[in-house]
Amino acid sequence: DLANGRVYLPREELKQFGCMPEAWQHPATRPAFRSMMQLQAQRAHDFYCRAEPLDRLLSPEGRGIFRVMCGTYRRLLTEIVRSDFDVLTRRVRVPKWRKGLILLGGWTTKWGWT
């Protein structure tokens, strides 16, 4: 969304790391960008862990959807970390086979098989 002028990160943290979006393409800001993204990734990971107990509060259908959505985005986060936060020069994706496994898991949950 950067190309469309949208950044969904707290401005205070961008300033803290000296990593404003208009400078992200400059190689000199790469270490600051990586540090800032490590913080964001850890925060997102913590949110996913805190959300796990919500699973048991949902109906089987809702639980299936919840698991697919959380599983997909959690795996995307893993891929972003694995790419060393190279999200500016290429699109980081979850492999289709992995998405299929996540979807299968959600489907079996929806039907009460897991």
Protein backbone atom coordinates (compact mmCIF):
# COMPACT_ATOMS: atom_id res chain seq x y z
CA ASP A 1 0.00 0.00 0.00
CA LEU A 2 3.05 2.26 0.24
CA ALA A 3 2.79 3.02 -3.48
CA ASN A 4 -0.72 4.32 -2.80
CA GLY A 5 0.44 6.53 0.07
CA ARG A 6 -0.81 4.26 2.84
CA VAL A 7 1.29 3.03 5.78
CA TYR A 8 -0.37 1.30 8.71
CA LEU A 9 2.31 1.79 11.34
CA PRO A 10 2.41 4.21 14.28
CA ARG A 11 4.15 7.44 13.24
CA GLU A 12 5.78 7.67 16.68
CA GLU A 13 7.50 4.33 16.14
CA LEU A 14 8.58 5.29 12.64
CA LYS A 15 10.19 8.40 14.13
CA GLN A 16 11.69 6.40 17.00
CA PHE A 17 13.52 4.15 14.53
CA GLY A 18 14.38 7.00 12.17
CA CYS A 19 12.56 5.14 9.48
CA MET A 20 10.00 7.32 7.76
CA PRO A 21 8.25 5.75 4.74
CA GLU A 22 9.62 8.26 2.24
CA ALA A 23 13.15 6.98 3.03
CA TRP A 24 12.43 3.22 2.93
CA GLN A 25 13.82 2.79 -0.58
CA HIS A 26 17.23 4.21 0.39
CA PRO A 27 19.75 1.46 1.26
CA ALA A 28 21.04 3.46 4.23
CA THR A 29 17.70 3.04 6.03
CA ARG A 30 17.65 -0.77 5.64
CA PRO A 31 19.01 -1.53 9.17
CA ALA A 32 16.51 0.87 10.78
CA PHE A 33 13.69 -0.56 8.68
CA ARG A 34 14.64 -4.11 9.69
CA SER A 35 14.74 -3.17 13.40
CA MET A 36 11.39 -1.45 13.17
CA MET A 37 9.89 -4.44 11.37
CA GLN A 38 11.26 -6.84 13.98
CA LEU A 39 9.31 -4.90 16.60
CA GLN A 40 6.17 -5.00 14.47
CA ALA A 41 6.55 -8.73 13.79
CA GLN A 42 7.01 -9.51 17.48
CA ARG A 43 3.94 -7.43 18.33
CA ALA A 44 1.85 -9.23 15.70
CA HIS A 45 3.10 -12.62 16.92
CA ASP A 46 2.11 -11.69 20.48
CA PHE A 47 -1.37 -10.69 19.27
CA TYR A 48 -1.80 -14.05 17.53
CA CYS A 49 -0.79 -15.87 20.72
CA ARG A 50 -3.20 -13.79 22.79
CA ALA A 51 -6.01 -14.51 20.31
CA GLU A 52 -5.64 -18.32 20.50
CA PRO A 53 -7.94 -18.73 23.55
CA LEU A 54 -10.77 -17.09 21.58
CA ASP A 55 -10.94 -20.21 19.44
CA ARG A 56 -12.87 -22.21 22.02
CA LEU A 57 -15.49 -19.46 22.40
CA LEU A 58 -16.64 -19.78 18.79
CA SER A 59 -19.15 -22.05 17.12
CA PRO A 60 -17.57 -24.80 14.96
CA GLU A 61 -18.27 -22.77 11.81
CA GLY A 62 -16.81 -19.60 13.33
CA ARG A 63 -13.87 -21.58 14.69
CA GLY A 64 -13.10 -22.90 11.20
CA ILE A 65 -13.09 -19.41 9.72
CA PHE A 66 -11.05 -18.07 12.63
CA ARG A 67 -8.45 -20.80 12.15
CA VAL A 68 -8.19 -20.19 8.42
CA MET A 69 -7.81 -16.44 8.82
CA CYS A 70 -5.38 -16.61 11.73
CA GLY A 71 -3.46 -19.46 10.16
CA THR A 72 -3.07 -17.66 6.85
CA TYR A 73 -1.99 -14.34 8.31
CA ARG A 74 0.22 -15.93 10.92
CA ARG A 75 1.97 -17.90 8.18
CA LEU A 76 2.33 -14.72 6.12
CA LEU A 77 4.07 -13.14 9.11
CA THR A 78 6.40 -16.15 9.26
CA GLU A 79 7.22 -15.72 5.56
CA ILE A 80 7.89 -12.00 6.06
CA VAL A 81 10.33 -12.75 8.89
CA ARG A 82 11.92 -15.52 6.83
CA SER A 83 12.46 -13.04 3.96
CA ASP A 84 14.36 -10.78 6.41
CA PHE A 85 11.56 -8.24 6.01
CA ASP A 86 12.15 -7.78 2.28
CA VAL A 87 8.65 -6.51 1.66
CA LEU A 88 9.62 -3.50 -0.42
CA THR A 89 11.25 -5.20 -3.40
CA ARG A 90 8.98 -8.21 -3.72
CA ARG A 91 5.61 -9.49 -2.60
CA VAL A 92 5.91 -12.03 0.19
CA ARG A 93 3.40 -14.85 -0.17
CA VAL A 94 2.25 -17.97 1.59
CA PRO A 95 2.83 -20.96 -0.71
CA LYS A 96 -0.38 -22.33 -2.22
CA TRP A 97 0.21 -25.80 -0.79
CA ARG A 98 0.47 -24.27 2.71
CA LYS A 99 -2.73 -22.26 2.17
CA GLY A 100 -4.40 -25.48 1.13
CA LEU A 101 -3.37 -27.18 4.37
CA ILE A 102 -4.65 -24.24 6.39
CA LEU A 103 -7.94 -24.32 4.51
CA LEU A 104 -8.27 -28.07 5.00
CA GLY A 105 -7.70 -27.63 8.73
CA GLY A 106 -10.41 -24.97 8.91
CA TRP A 107 -12.81 -27.11 6.91
CA THR A 108 -12.34 -30.13 9.19
CA THR A 109 -12.89 -27.87 12.20
CA LYS A 110 -16.07 -26.43 10.70
CA TRP A 111 -17.52 -29.91 10.33
CA GLY A 112 -16.44 -30.95 13.84
CA TRP A 113 -13.85 -33.48 12.71
CA THR A 114 -11.07 -31.87 14.78
